[in-house]
Amino acid sequence: MAEAKKKQDIAEEDILKEAEAEAALADEPEEEPADEGGPPDAAAEIAALTAERDELKDKWMRALAEAENARKRAERDRREAENYGGSRLARDLLPVYDNLRRALAAAGEDGTAPAALVEGVELTLRELTNVFTRHGITLISPKEGDRFDPAMHQAMFEAPVPGTKAGDIIQVMTEGFLLHDRLLRPAQVGVSSTPAS
């Protein structure tokens, strides 16, 4: 590509030099040709060279724009691969997070689990959360009473619950996750269907 550009630059410089020389000749006073078989009309030659130069310049500008677009496209693809390349792995790790949360909830309910085991599960969950944060994974953790957001939440059921408004979250089953600005998994929630009175 660089060699083709160099050749094109040299050709363009040669055309410009010829056009300047022709223009200098055109500025000199015209002499009557000695015979009819003289040189071709200088103005026509300059016009032809100018047209050729303009055509080459147009081609060069288009090639330059195409190269710039390819560079931008490659940069965007690289950035997306860097930010979202691990989304499949991250999605596969979400059930591990859920299971560690369930283990802590179950250990807290019956109270018979050894304290060292509970502490180990808490440390593992904390480390997994730290790894998620380092790689741009953020938690979507709605609370009961929050409004249902279809962009971030998935309604698992609807139920009429007194004291709530339609569209309020009444139960959170699993938390959701974002990878940078993309949704990895919506938070799974139950939603109130109580009509407004």
N, C-alpha and C. Protein backbone atom coordinates (compact mmCIF):
# COMPACT_ATOMS: atom_id res chain seq x y z
N MET A 1 0.84 -1.19 0.00
CA MET A 1 0.00 0.00 0.00
C MET A 1 0.87 1.23 0.00
N ALA A 2 1.98 1.22 0.80
CA ALA A 2 2.86 2.37 0.87
C ALA A 2 3.57 2.57 -0.46
N GLU A 3 3.94 1.46 -1.13
CA GLU A 3 4.63 1.56 -2.42
C GLU A 3 3.69 2.14 -3.47
N ALA A 4 2.43 1.70 -3.47
CA ALA A 4 1.45 2.23 -4.42
C ALA A 4 1.23 3.71 -4.17
N LYS A 5 1.19 4.12 -2.92
CA LYS A 5 0.98 5.53 -2.59
C LYS A 5 2.17 6.35 -3.06
N LYS A 6 3.40 5.81 -2.89
CA LYS A 6 4.61 6.52 -3.30
C LYS A 6 4.59 6.71 -4.82
N LYS A 7 4.23 5.63 -5.56
CA LYS A 7 4.15 5.75 -7.02
C LYS A 7 3.12 6.78 -7.43
N GLN A 8 1.99 6.77 -6.75
CA GLN A 8 0.92 7.71 -7.07
C GLN A 8 1.37 9.14 -6.78
N ASP A 9 2.10 9.36 -5.67
CA ASP A 9 2.62 10.69 -5.35
C ASP A 9 3.59 11.16 -6.41
N ILE A 10 4.48 10.27 -6.86
CA ILE A 10 5.46 10.63 -7.89
C ILE A 10 4.75 10.98 -9.19
N ALA A 11 3.76 10.16 -9.57
CA ALA A 11 3.00 10.43 -10.79
C ALA A 11 2.29 11.77 -10.68
N GLU A 12 1.72 12.04 -9.53
CA GLU A 12 1.00 13.31 -9.33
C GLU A 12 1.95 14.49 -9.41
N GLU A 13 3.17 14.35 -8.83
CA GLU A 13 4.17 15.43 -8.91
C GLU A 13 4.59 15.67 -10.36
N ASP A 14 4.78 14.57 -11.14
CA ASP A 14 5.16 14.72 -12.55
C ASP A 14 4.08 15.45 -13.33
N ILE A 15 2.84 15.12 -13.08
CA ILE A 15 1.73 15.77 -13.77
C ILE A 15 1.68 17.25 -13.42
N LEU A 16 1.89 17.55 -12.12
CA LEU A 16 1.87 18.95 -11.71
C LEU A 16 3.02 19.73 -12.34
N LYS A 17 4.22 19.13 -12.42
CA LYS A 17 5.37 19.80 -13.05
C LYS A 17 5.09 20.07 -14.52
N GLU A 18 4.51 19.07 -15.21
CA GLU A 18 4.19 19.25 -16.63
C GLU A 18 3.15 20.35 -16.81
N ALA A 19 2.16 20.36 -15.92
CA ALA A 19 1.11 21.39 -16.02
C ALA A 19 1.69 22.77 -15.78
N GLU A 20 2.63 22.90 -14.81
CA GLU A 20 3.26 24.20 -14.54
C GLU A 20 4.10 24.65 -15.72
N ALA A 21 4.82 23.70 -16.32
CA ALA A 21 5.63 24.04 -17.49
C ALA A 21 4.75 24.50 -18.64
N GLU A 22 3.64 23.80 -18.85
CA GLU A 22 2.70 24.18 -19.90
C GLU A 22 2.10 25.54 -19.62
N ALA A 23 1.80 25.81 -18.34
CA ALA A 23 1.23 27.10 -17.98
C ALA A 23 2.25 28.21 -18.22
N ALA A 24 3.52 27.95 -17.94
CA ALA A 24 4.56 28.95 -18.18
C ALA A 24 4.69 29.22 -19.67
N LEU A 25 4.60 28.16 -20.46
CA LEU A 25 4.67 28.34 -21.92
C LEU A 25 3.45 29.11 -22.42
N ALA A 26 2.31 28.87 -21.80
CA ALA A 26 1.10 29.55 -22.24
C ALA A 26 1.17 31.04 -21.94
N ASP A 27 1.90 31.42 -20.88
CA ASP A 27 2.02 32.83 -20.52
C ASP A 27 2.93 33.60 -21.48
N GLU A 28 3.85 32.91 -22.15
CA GLU A 28 4.74 33.58 -23.11
C GLU A 28 3.93 34.00 -24.33
N PRO A 29 4.34 35.07 -24.97
CA PRO A 29 3.61 35.51 -26.17
C PRO A 29 3.71 34.43 -27.25
N GLU A 30 2.59 34.23 -27.88
CA GLU A 30 2.52 33.20 -28.91
C GLU A 30 3.24 33.65 -30.15
N GLU A 31 4.01 32.74 -30.74
CA GLU A 31 4.66 33.00 -32.01
C GLU A 31 3.89 32.26 -33.08
N GLU A 32 3.85 32.84 -34.20
CA GLU A 32 3.19 32.18 -35.32
C GLU A 32 4.02 30.97 -35.72
N PRO A 33 3.41 29.83 -35.82
CA PRO A 33 4.17 28.66 -36.24
C PRO A 33 4.67 28.84 -37.67
N ALA A 34 5.87 28.32 -37.88
CA ALA A 34 6.47 28.43 -39.21
C ALA A 34 5.73 27.59 -40.21
N ASP A 35 5.24 26.45 -39.73
CA ASP A 35 4.48 25.61 -40.66
C ASP A 35 3.25 25.05 -39.96
N GLU A 36 2.35 24.49 -40.65
CA GLU A 36 1.09 23.97 -40.11
C GLU A 36 1.31 22.67 -39.32
N GLY A 37 2.37 21.99 -39.47
CA GLY A 37 2.63 20.73 -38.80
C GLY A 37 3.32 20.94 -37.46
N GLY A 38 3.04 22.03 -36.73
CA GLY A 38 3.69 22.39 -35.48
C GLY A 38 3.14 21.58 -34.30
N PRO A 39 3.52 22.02 -33.07
CA PRO A 39 3.10 21.30 -31.87
C PRO A 39 1.59 21.38 -31.67
N PRO A 40 1.00 20.39 -30.93
CA PRO A 40 -0.45 20.42 -30.70
C PRO A 40 -0.81 21.63 -29.82
N ASP A 41 -2.08 21.94 -29.81
CA ASP A 41 -2.59 23.10 -29.07
C ASP A 41 -2.27 22.94 -27.58
N ALA A 42 -1.55 23.90 -26.98
CA ALA A 42 -1.11 23.84 -25.58
C ALA A 42 -2.29 23.88 -24.62
N ALA A 43 -3.32 24.66 -24.91
CA ALA A 43 -4.48 24.78 -24.02
C ALA A 43 -5.21 23.45 -23.91
N ALA A 44 -5.33 22.74 -25.02
CA ALA A 44 -6.01 21.45 -24.99
C ALA A 44 -5.21 20.44 -24.18
N GLU A 45 -3.89 20.50 -24.30
CA GLU A 45 -3.05 19.58 -23.55
C GLU A 45 -3.12 19.88 -22.04
N ILE A 46 -3.12 21.15 -21.68
CA ILE A 46 -3.25 21.54 -20.28
C ILE A 46 -4.58 21.08 -19.72
N ALA A 47 -5.64 21.25 -20.50
CA ALA A 47 -6.97 20.82 -20.05
C ALA A 47 -7.00 19.31 -19.83
N ALA A 48 -6.36 18.56 -20.73
CA ALA A 48 -6.33 17.10 -20.59
C ALA A 48 -5.54 16.70 -19.35
N LEU A 49 -4.40 17.36 -19.14
CA LEU A 49 -3.59 17.05 -17.96
C LEU A 49 -4.30 17.43 -16.67
N THR A 50 -4.99 18.56 -16.68
CA THR A 50 -5.75 18.98 -15.50
C THR A 50 -6.85 17.98 -15.18
N ALA A 51 -7.54 17.51 -16.20
CA ALA A 51 -8.61 16.52 -16.00
C ALA A 51 -8.03 15.22 -15.44
N GLU A 52 -6.88 14.81 -15.98
CA GLU A 52 -6.25 13.58 -15.50
C GLU A 52 -5.80 13.75 -14.05
N ARG A 53 -5.23 14.92 -13.73
CA ARG A 53 -4.80 15.20 -12.36
C ARG A 53 -5.99 15.16 -11.41
N ASP A 54 -7.10 15.79 -11.81
CA ASP A 54 -8.29 15.80 -10.96
C ASP A 54 -8.84 14.40 -10.73
N GLU A 55 -8.79 13.59 -11.78
CA GLU A 55 -9.27 12.21 -11.66
C GLU A 55 -8.39 11.42 -10.69
N LEU A 56 -7.07 11.57 -10.83
CA LEU A 56 -6.15 10.87 -9.93
C LEU A 56 -6.29 11.36 -8.49
N LYS A 57 -6.50 12.67 -8.34
CA LYS A 57 -6.67 13.22 -6.99
C LYS A 57 -7.95 12.67 -6.36
N ASP A 58 -9.02 12.55 -7.15
CA ASP A 58 -10.29 12.00 -6.65
C ASP A 58 -10.10 10.55 -6.21
N LYS A 59 -9.40 9.76 -7.05
CA LYS A 59 -9.15 8.36 -6.69
C LYS A 59 -8.33 8.27 -5.41
N TRP A 60 -7.32 9.13 -5.30
CA TRP A 60 -6.46 9.14 -4.12
C TRP A 60 -7.26 9.49 -2.87
N MET A 61 -8.13 10.50 -2.96
CA MET A 61 -8.95 10.91 -1.81
C MET A 61 -9.91 9.78 -1.39
N ARG A 62 -10.48 9.10 -2.37
CA ARG A 62 -11.38 7.98 -2.05
C ARG A 62 -10.62 6.84 -1.36
N ALA A 63 -9.42 6.54 -1.86
CA ALA A 63 -8.61 5.48 -1.24
C ALA A 63 -8.21 5.88 0.17
N LEU A 64 -7.89 7.14 0.37
CA LEU A 64 -7.54 7.64 1.70
C LEU A 64 -8.72 7.52 2.66
N ALA A 65 -9.92 7.89 2.20
CA ALA A 65 -11.13 7.79 3.03
C ALA A 65 -11.43 6.33 3.36
N GLU A 66 -11.25 5.45 2.39
CA GLU A 66 -11.50 4.02 2.63
C GLU A 66 -10.53 3.45 3.66
N ALA A 67 -9.26 3.87 3.58
CA ALA A 67 -8.27 3.41 4.55
C ALA A 67 -8.62 3.93 5.94
N GLU A 68 -9.07 5.16 6.05
CA GLU A 68 -9.44 5.74 7.35
C GLU A 68 -10.65 5.00 7.94
N ASN A 69 -11.63 4.68 7.09
CA ASN A 69 -12.80 3.93 7.56
C ASN A 69 -12.40 2.53 8.04
N ALA A 70 -11.49 1.89 7.32
CA ALA A 70 -11.02 0.56 7.74
C ALA A 70 -10.30 0.64 9.08
N ARG A 71 -9.50 1.71 9.28
CA ARG A 71 -8.80 1.88 10.54
C ARG A 71 -9.79 2.06 11.69
N LYS A 72 -10.81 2.89 11.47
CA LYS A 72 -11.82 3.12 12.52
C LYS A 72 -12.59 1.84 12.82
N ARG A 73 -12.94 1.09 11.78
CA ARG A 73 -13.67 -0.16 11.97
C ARG A 73 -12.83 -1.16 12.77
N ALA A 74 -11.54 -1.26 12.45
CA ALA A 74 -10.66 -2.17 13.17
C ALA A 74 -10.51 -1.74 14.63
N GLU A 75 -10.42 -0.45 14.88
CA GLU A 75 -10.32 0.06 16.26
C GLU A 75 -11.59 -0.26 17.05
N ARG A 76 -12.76 -0.07 16.42
CA ARG A 76 -14.02 -0.38 17.09
C ARG A 76 -14.12 -1.88 17.39
N ASP A 77 -13.73 -2.72 16.42
CA ASP A 77 -13.77 -4.17 16.64
C ASP A 77 -12.82 -4.59 17.75
N ARG A 78 -11.63 -3.96 17.81
CA ARG A 78 -10.68 -4.28 18.86
C ARG A 78 -11.22 -3.90 20.23
N ARG A 79 -11.85 -2.71 20.31
CA ARG A 79 -12.42 -2.25 21.57
C ARG A 79 -13.55 -3.17 22.03
N GLU A 80 -14.41 -3.58 21.09
CA GLU A 80 -15.51 -4.49 21.45
C GLU A 80 -14.98 -5.85 21.90
N ALA A 81 -13.96 -6.35 21.22
CA ALA A 81 -13.39 -7.64 21.62
C ALA A 81 -12.77 -7.54 23.01
N GLU A 82 -12.15 -6.41 23.29
CA GLU A 82 -11.54 -6.22 24.60
C GLU A 82 -12.60 -6.13 25.70
N ASN A 83 -13.67 -5.40 25.43
CA ASN A 83 -14.71 -5.20 26.45
C ASN A 83 -15.67 -6.39 26.58
N TYR A 84 -16.02 -7.00 25.47
CA TYR A 84 -17.08 -8.00 25.50
C TYR A 84 -16.63 -9.40 25.08
N GLY A 85 -15.32 -9.59 24.87
CA GLY A 85 -14.83 -10.90 24.45
C GLY A 85 -15.07 -11.99 25.48
N GLY A 86 -15.07 -11.65 26.75
CA GLY A 86 -15.27 -12.64 27.81
C GLY A 86 -16.70 -12.80 28.26
N SER A 87 -17.65 -12.34 27.46
CA SER A 87 -19.05 -12.37 27.91
C SER A 87 -19.57 -13.80 28.07
N ARG A 88 -19.11 -14.74 27.24
CA ARG A 88 -19.57 -16.14 27.39
C ARG A 88 -19.05 -16.73 28.70
N LEU A 89 -17.79 -16.48 29.00
CA LEU A 89 -17.23 -16.97 30.26
C LEU A 89 -17.95 -16.33 31.45
N ALA A 90 -18.18 -15.03 31.36
CA ALA A 90 -18.87 -14.33 32.45
C ALA A 90 -20.28 -14.90 32.64
N ARG A 91 -20.98 -15.15 31.55
CA ARG A 91 -22.33 -15.71 31.63
C ARG A 91 -22.30 -17.10 32.26
N ASP A 92 -21.25 -17.87 31.98
CA ASP A 92 -21.12 -19.21 32.56
C ASP A 92 -20.79 -19.16 34.05
N LEU A 93 -20.19 -18.06 34.53
CA LEU A 93 -19.85 -17.94 35.94
C LEU A 93 -21.02 -17.44 36.80
N LEU A 94 -22.05 -16.91 36.19
CA LEU A 94 -23.18 -16.38 36.97
C LEU A 94 -23.87 -17.44 37.82
N PRO A 95 -24.08 -18.67 37.34
CA PRO A 95 -24.66 -19.70 38.22
C PRO A 95 -23.78 -20.02 39.43
N VAL A 96 -22.47 -19.89 39.29
CA VAL A 96 -21.57 -20.11 40.43
C VAL A 96 -21.87 -19.07 41.50
N TYR A 97 -22.01 -17.81 41.08
CA TYR A 97 -22.37 -16.73 42.01
C TYR A 97 -23.70 -17.05 42.70
N ASP A 98 -24.70 -17.45 41.90
CA ASP A 98 -26.03 -17.77 42.46
C ASP A 98 -25.95 -18.90 43.48
N ASN A 99 -25.18 -19.93 43.18
CA ASN A 99 -25.07 -21.07 44.09
C ASN A 99 -24.36 -20.70 45.39
N LEU A 100 -23.34 -19.85 45.29
CA LEU A 100 -22.68 -19.40 46.51
C LEU A 100 -23.64 -18.58 47.37
N ARG A 101 -24.47 -17.74 46.74
CA ARG A 101 -25.47 -16.96 47.50
C ARG A 101 -26.48 -17.90 48.18
N ARG A 102 -26.92 -18.92 47.44
CA ARG A 102 -27.88 -19.87 48.02
C ARG A 102 -27.25 -20.64 49.18
N ALA A 103 -25.98 -21.00 49.04
CA ALA A 103 -25.30 -21.73 50.12
C ALA A 103 -25.24 -20.88 51.38
N LEU A 104 -24.95 -19.59 51.23
CA LEU A 104 -24.92 -18.70 52.40
C LEU A 104 -26.30 -18.54 53.01
N ALA A 105 -27.32 -18.44 52.16
CA ALA A 105 -28.69 -18.31 52.68
C ALA A 105 -29.11 -19.57 53.43
N ALA A 106 -28.75 -20.74 52.87
CA ALA A 106 -29.11 -22.01 53.53
C ALA A 106 -28.35 -22.18 54.84
N ALA A 107 -27.10 -21.78 54.88
CA ALA A 107 -26.30 -21.91 56.11
C ALA A 107 -26.84 -21.00 57.20
N GLY A 108 -27.34 -19.84 56.81
CA GLY A 108 -27.88 -18.91 57.79
C GLY A 108 -29.23 -19.34 58.32
N GLU A 109 -29.99 -20.12 57.54
CA GLU A 109 -31.34 -20.52 57.95
C GLU A 109 -31.32 -21.56 59.07
N ASP A 110 -30.53 -22.64 58.87
CA ASP A 110 -30.58 -23.69 59.90
C ASP A 110 -29.51 -23.51 60.98
N GLY A 111 -28.47 -22.76 60.70
CA GLY A 111 -27.46 -22.45 61.73
C GLY A 111 -26.60 -23.62 62.14
N THR A 112 -26.68 -24.77 61.47
CA THR A 112 -25.89 -25.94 61.85
C THR A 112 -24.58 -26.04 61.08
N ALA A 113 -24.37 -25.17 60.10
CA ALA A 113 -23.13 -25.23 59.31
C ALA A 113 -21.97 -24.71 60.14
N PRO A 114 -20.82 -25.35 60.02
CA PRO A 114 -19.64 -24.89 60.76
C PRO A 114 -19.26 -23.45 60.35
N ALA A 115 -18.81 -22.68 61.29
CA ALA A 115 -18.49 -21.27 61.04
C ALA A 115 -17.37 -21.13 60.01
N ALA A 116 -16.42 -22.05 60.03
CA ALA A 116 -15.31 -21.97 59.07
C ALA A 116 -15.82 -22.18 57.64
N LEU A 117 -16.79 -23.08 57.46
CA LEU A 117 -17.35 -23.32 56.13
C LEU A 117 -18.09 -22.09 55.63
N VAL A 118 -18.89 -21.48 56.51
CA VAL A 118 -19.63 -20.28 56.13
C VAL A 118 -18.65 -19.16 55.77
N GLU A 119 -17.60 -19.02 56.57
CA GLU A 119 -16.61 -17.98 56.30
C GLU A 119 -15.90 -18.24 54.96
N GLY A 120 -15.61 -19.50 54.67
CA GLY A 120 -14.96 -19.85 53.40
C GLY A 120 -15.84 -19.52 52.21
N VAL A 121 -17.15 -19.81 52.32
CA VAL A 121 -18.08 -19.50 51.22
C VAL A 121 -18.20 -17.99 51.05
N GLU A 122 -18.23 -17.25 52.18
CA GLU A 122 -18.31 -15.79 52.10
C GLU A 122 -17.07 -15.22 51.41
N LEU A 123 -15.89 -15.72 51.76
CA LEU A 123 -14.65 -15.25 51.14
C LEU A 123 -14.61 -15.56 49.64
N THR A 124 -15.07 -16.76 49.29
CA THR A 124 -15.11 -17.15 47.88
C THR A 124 -16.06 -16.25 47.10
N LEU A 125 -17.23 -15.99 47.69
CA LEU A 125 -18.20 -15.11 47.03
C LEU A 125 -17.64 -13.69 46.90
N ARG A 126 -16.97 -13.21 47.93
CA ARG A 126 -16.38 -11.87 47.87
C ARG A 126 -15.31 -11.80 46.78
N GLU A 127 -14.48 -12.83 46.68
CA GLU A 127 -13.43 -12.84 45.65
C GLU A 127 -14.03 -12.89 44.25
N LEU A 128 -15.09 -13.69 44.07
CA LEU A 128 -15.76 -13.75 42.77
C LEU A 128 -16.36 -12.39 42.42
N THR A 129 -16.93 -11.72 43.38
CA THR A 129 -17.49 -10.38 43.16
C THR A 129 -16.38 -9.40 42.78
N ASN A 130 -15.23 -9.49 43.43
CA ASN A 130 -14.09 -8.62 43.10
C ASN A 130 -13.60 -8.87 41.67
N VAL A 131 -13.54 -10.13 41.27
CA VAL A 131 -13.13 -10.46 39.90
C VAL A 131 -14.14 -9.89 38.90
N PHE A 132 -15.42 -10.02 39.19
CA PHE A 132 -16.45 -9.44 38.33
C PHE A 132 -16.23 -7.94 38.19
N THR A 133 -15.99 -7.26 39.29
CA THR A 133 -15.81 -5.81 39.27
C THR A 133 -14.58 -5.43 38.44
N ARG A 134 -13.49 -6.17 38.61
CA ARG A 134 -12.26 -5.89 37.85
C ARG A 134 -12.48 -5.99 36.35
N HIS A 135 -13.38 -6.85 35.93
CA HIS A 135 -13.62 -7.08 34.51
C HIS A 135 -14.87 -6.37 33.99
N GLY A 136 -15.39 -5.42 34.73
CA GLY A 136 -16.49 -4.59 34.24
C GLY A 136 -17.87 -5.20 34.40
N ILE A 137 -18.00 -6.22 35.24
CA ILE A 137 -19.31 -6.83 35.47
C ILE A 137 -19.91 -6.20 36.72
N THR A 138 -21.08 -5.59 36.55
CA THR A 138 -21.74 -4.95 37.70
C THR A 138 -23.04 -5.66 38.02
N LEU A 139 -23.40 -5.61 39.27
CA LEU A 139 -24.57 -6.29 39.80
C LEU A 139 -25.81 -5.43 39.63
N ILE A 140 -26.91 -6.04 39.19
CA ILE A 140 -28.22 -5.39 39.18
C ILE A 140 -28.99 -6.00 40.34
N SER A 141 -29.16 -5.22 41.38
CA SER A 141 -29.76 -5.75 42.60
C SER A 141 -30.99 -4.93 42.98
N PRO A 142 -32.15 -5.24 42.39
CA PRO A 142 -33.36 -4.49 42.74
C PRO A 142 -33.84 -4.86 44.14
N LYS A 143 -34.56 -3.98 44.74
CA LYS A 143 -35.14 -4.20 46.08
C LYS A 143 -36.66 -4.31 45.94
N GLU A 144 -37.27 -4.95 46.92
CA GLU A 144 -38.73 -5.03 46.93
C GLU A 144 -39.29 -3.62 47.06
N GLY A 145 -40.28 -3.32 46.23
CA GLY A 145 -40.89 -1.99 46.22
C GLY A 145 -40.37 -1.12 45.09
N ASP A 146 -39.23 -1.49 44.47
CA ASP A 146 -38.73 -0.75 43.30
C ASP A 146 -39.68 -0.95 42.13
N ARG A 147 -39.61 -0.04 41.17
CA ARG A 147 -40.42 -0.17 39.95
C ARG A 147 -39.79 -1.19 39.02
N PHE A 148 -40.61 -1.96 38.35
CA PHE A 148 -40.16 -2.94 37.36
C PHE A 148 -39.63 -2.21 36.13
N ASP A 149 -38.41 -2.54 35.72
CA ASP A 149 -37.79 -1.96 34.53
C ASP A 149 -37.55 -3.09 33.53
N PRO A 150 -38.32 -3.13 32.43
CA PRO A 150 -38.18 -4.25 31.49
C PRO A 150 -36.81 -4.33 30.83
N ALA A 151 -36.05 -3.24 30.85
CA ALA A 151 -34.71 -3.27 30.27
C ALA A 151 -33.72 -3.99 31.18
N MET A 152 -33.99 -4.03 32.48
CA MET A 152 -33.06 -4.63 33.45
C MET A 152 -33.64 -5.81 34.22
N HIS A 153 -34.96 -5.97 34.20
CA HIS A 153 -35.60 -7.02 34.99
C HIS A 153 -36.39 -7.97 34.09
N GLN A 154 -36.53 -9.20 34.56
CA GLN A 154 -37.36 -10.18 33.89
C GLN A 154 -38.45 -10.60 34.87
N ALA A 155 -39.70 -10.39 34.48
CA ALA A 155 -40.82 -10.75 35.35
C ALA A 155 -41.04 -12.26 35.29
N MET A 156 -40.91 -12.93 36.44
CA MET A 156 -41.10 -14.37 36.49
C MET A 156 -42.55 -14.72 36.82
N PHE A 157 -43.22 -13.82 37.54
CA PHE A 157 -44.65 -14.03 37.84
C PHE A 157 -45.26 -12.69 38.21
N GLU A 158 -46.58 -12.64 38.17
CA GLU A 158 -47.33 -11.47 38.64
C GLU A 158 -48.32 -11.97 39.70
N ALA A 159 -48.49 -11.17 40.73
CA ALA A 159 -49.43 -11.54 41.79
C ALA A 159 -49.99 -10.28 42.42
N PRO A 160 -51.29 -10.31 42.77
CA PRO A 160 -51.86 -9.15 43.45
C PRO A 160 -51.44 -9.16 44.93
N VAL A 161 -50.78 -8.13 45.35
CA VAL A 161 -50.32 -8.03 46.74
C VAL A 161 -50.87 -6.73 47.31
N PRO A 162 -51.65 -6.83 48.40
CA PRO A 162 -52.20 -5.62 48.99
C PRO A 162 -51.09 -4.67 49.45
N GLY A 163 -51.34 -3.39 49.30
CA GLY A 163 -50.39 -2.38 49.75
C GLY A 163 -49.31 -2.07 48.72
N THR A 164 -49.43 -2.62 47.52
CA THR A 164 -48.46 -2.33 46.45
C THR A 164 -49.20 -1.79 45.24
N LYS A 165 -48.45 -1.19 44.35
CA LYS A 165 -49.02 -0.70 43.09
C LYS A 165 -48.62 -1.65 41.98
N ALA A 166 -49.41 -1.67 40.92
CA ALA A 166 -49.08 -2.50 39.76
C ALA A 166 -47.73 -2.07 39.21
N GLY A 167 -46.86 -3.04 38.94
CA GLY A 167 -45.54 -2.74 38.41
C GLY A 167 -44.46 -2.65 39.47
N ASP A 168 -44.83 -2.79 40.75
CA ASP A 168 -43.83 -2.80 41.82
C ASP A 168 -43.23 -4.20 41.94
N ILE A 169 -41.96 -4.26 42.29
CA ILE A 169 -41.29 -5.55 42.50
C ILE A 169 -41.69 -6.04 43.89
N ILE A 170 -42.17 -7.29 43.93
CA ILE A 170 -42.59 -7.85 45.22
C ILE A 170 -41.65 -8.95 45.71
N GLN A 171 -40.82 -9.49 44.80
CA GLN A 171 -39.86 -10.51 45.20
C GLN A 171 -38.71 -10.54 44.20
N VAL A 172 -37.50 -10.75 44.72
CA VAL A 172 -36.31 -10.88 43.86
C VAL A 172 -35.82 -12.31 43.95
N MET A 173 -35.84 -13.02 42.81
CA MET A 173 -35.37 -14.41 42.80
C MET A 173 -33.86 -14.48 42.56
N THR A 174 -33.39 -13.83 41.52
CA THR A 174 -31.95 -13.78 41.24
C THR A 174 -31.57 -12.37 40.81
N GLU A 175 -30.34 -12.01 41.12
CA GLU A 175 -29.85 -10.70 40.72
C GLU A 175 -29.41 -10.74 39.27
N GLY A 176 -29.38 -9.57 38.65
CA GLY A 176 -28.94 -9.48 37.27
C GLY A 176 -27.53 -8.93 37.19
N PHE A 177 -26.97 -8.94 35.97
CA PHE A 177 -25.60 -8.48 35.77
C PHE A 177 -25.47 -7.72 34.46
N LEU A 178 -24.64 -6.69 34.48
CA LEU A 178 -24.26 -5.93 33.29
C LEU A 178 -22.78 -6.16 33.03
N LEU A 179 -22.40 -6.29 31.75
CA LEU A 179 -21.00 -6.31 31.35
C LEU A 179 -20.76 -4.98 30.65
N HIS A 180 -20.07 -4.07 31.34
CA HIS A 180 -19.91 -2.68 30.91
C HIS A 180 -21.30 -2.08 30.72
N ASP A 181 -21.77 -1.91 29.48
CA ASP A 181 -23.10 -1.33 29.29
C ASP A 181 -24.08 -2.33 28.68
N ARG A 182 -23.67 -3.59 28.55
CA ARG A 182 -24.55 -4.62 27.97
C ARG A 182 -25.11 -5.51 29.07
N LEU A 183 -26.35 -5.91 28.89
CA LEU A 183 -27.02 -6.77 29.86
C LEU A 183 -26.55 -8.21 29.66
N LEU A 184 -25.95 -8.79 30.71
CA LEU A 184 -25.57 -10.20 30.68
C LEU A 184 -26.76 -11.07 31.05
N ARG A 185 -27.43 -10.67 32.14
CA ARG A 185 -28.60 -11.41 32.60
C ARG A 185 -29.50 -10.44 33.35
N PRO A 186 -30.80 -10.43 33.02
CA PRO A 186 -31.70 -9.55 33.78
C PRO A 186 -31.96 -10.12 35.17
N ALA A 187 -32.27 -9.24 36.09
CA ALA A 187 -32.67 -9.69 37.43
C ALA A 187 -34.04 -10.34 37.31
N GLN A 188 -34.20 -11.49 37.91
CA GLN A 188 -35.48 -12.21 37.84
C GLN A 188 -36.30 -11.84 39.06
N VAL A 189 -37.49 -11.26 38.79
CA VAL A 189 -38.30 -10.71 39.87
C VAL A 189 -39.76 -11.12 39.71
N GLY A 190 -40.48 -11.00 40.84
CA GLY A 190 -41.93 -11.10 40.84
C GLY A 190 -42.51 -9.70 40.87
N VAL A 191 -43.61 -9.49 40.15
CA VAL A 191 -44.16 -8.14 39.99
C VAL A 191 -45.61 -8.12 40.49
N SER A 192 -45.97 -7.03 41.14
CA SER A 192 -47.33 -6.86 41.64
C SER A 192 -48.28 -6.56 40.47
N SER A 193 -49.45 -7.16 40.53
CA SER A 193 -50.47 -6.87 39.54
C SER A 193 -51.68 -6.20 40.17
N THR A 194 -51.51 -5.68 41.38
CA THR A 194 -52.62 -5.03 42.07
C THR A 194 -53.04 -3.80 41.29
N PRO A 195 -54.32 -3.72 40.92
CA PRO A 195 -54.77 -2.53 40.19
C PRO A 195 -54.80 -1.32 41.11
N ALA A 196 -54.54 -0.17 40.51
CA ALA A 196 -54.60 1.08 41.29
C ALA A 196 -56.03 1.32 41.74
N SER A 197 -56.21 1.67 43.02
CA SER A 197 -57.58 1.89 43.52
C SER A 197 -57.89 3.35 43.64
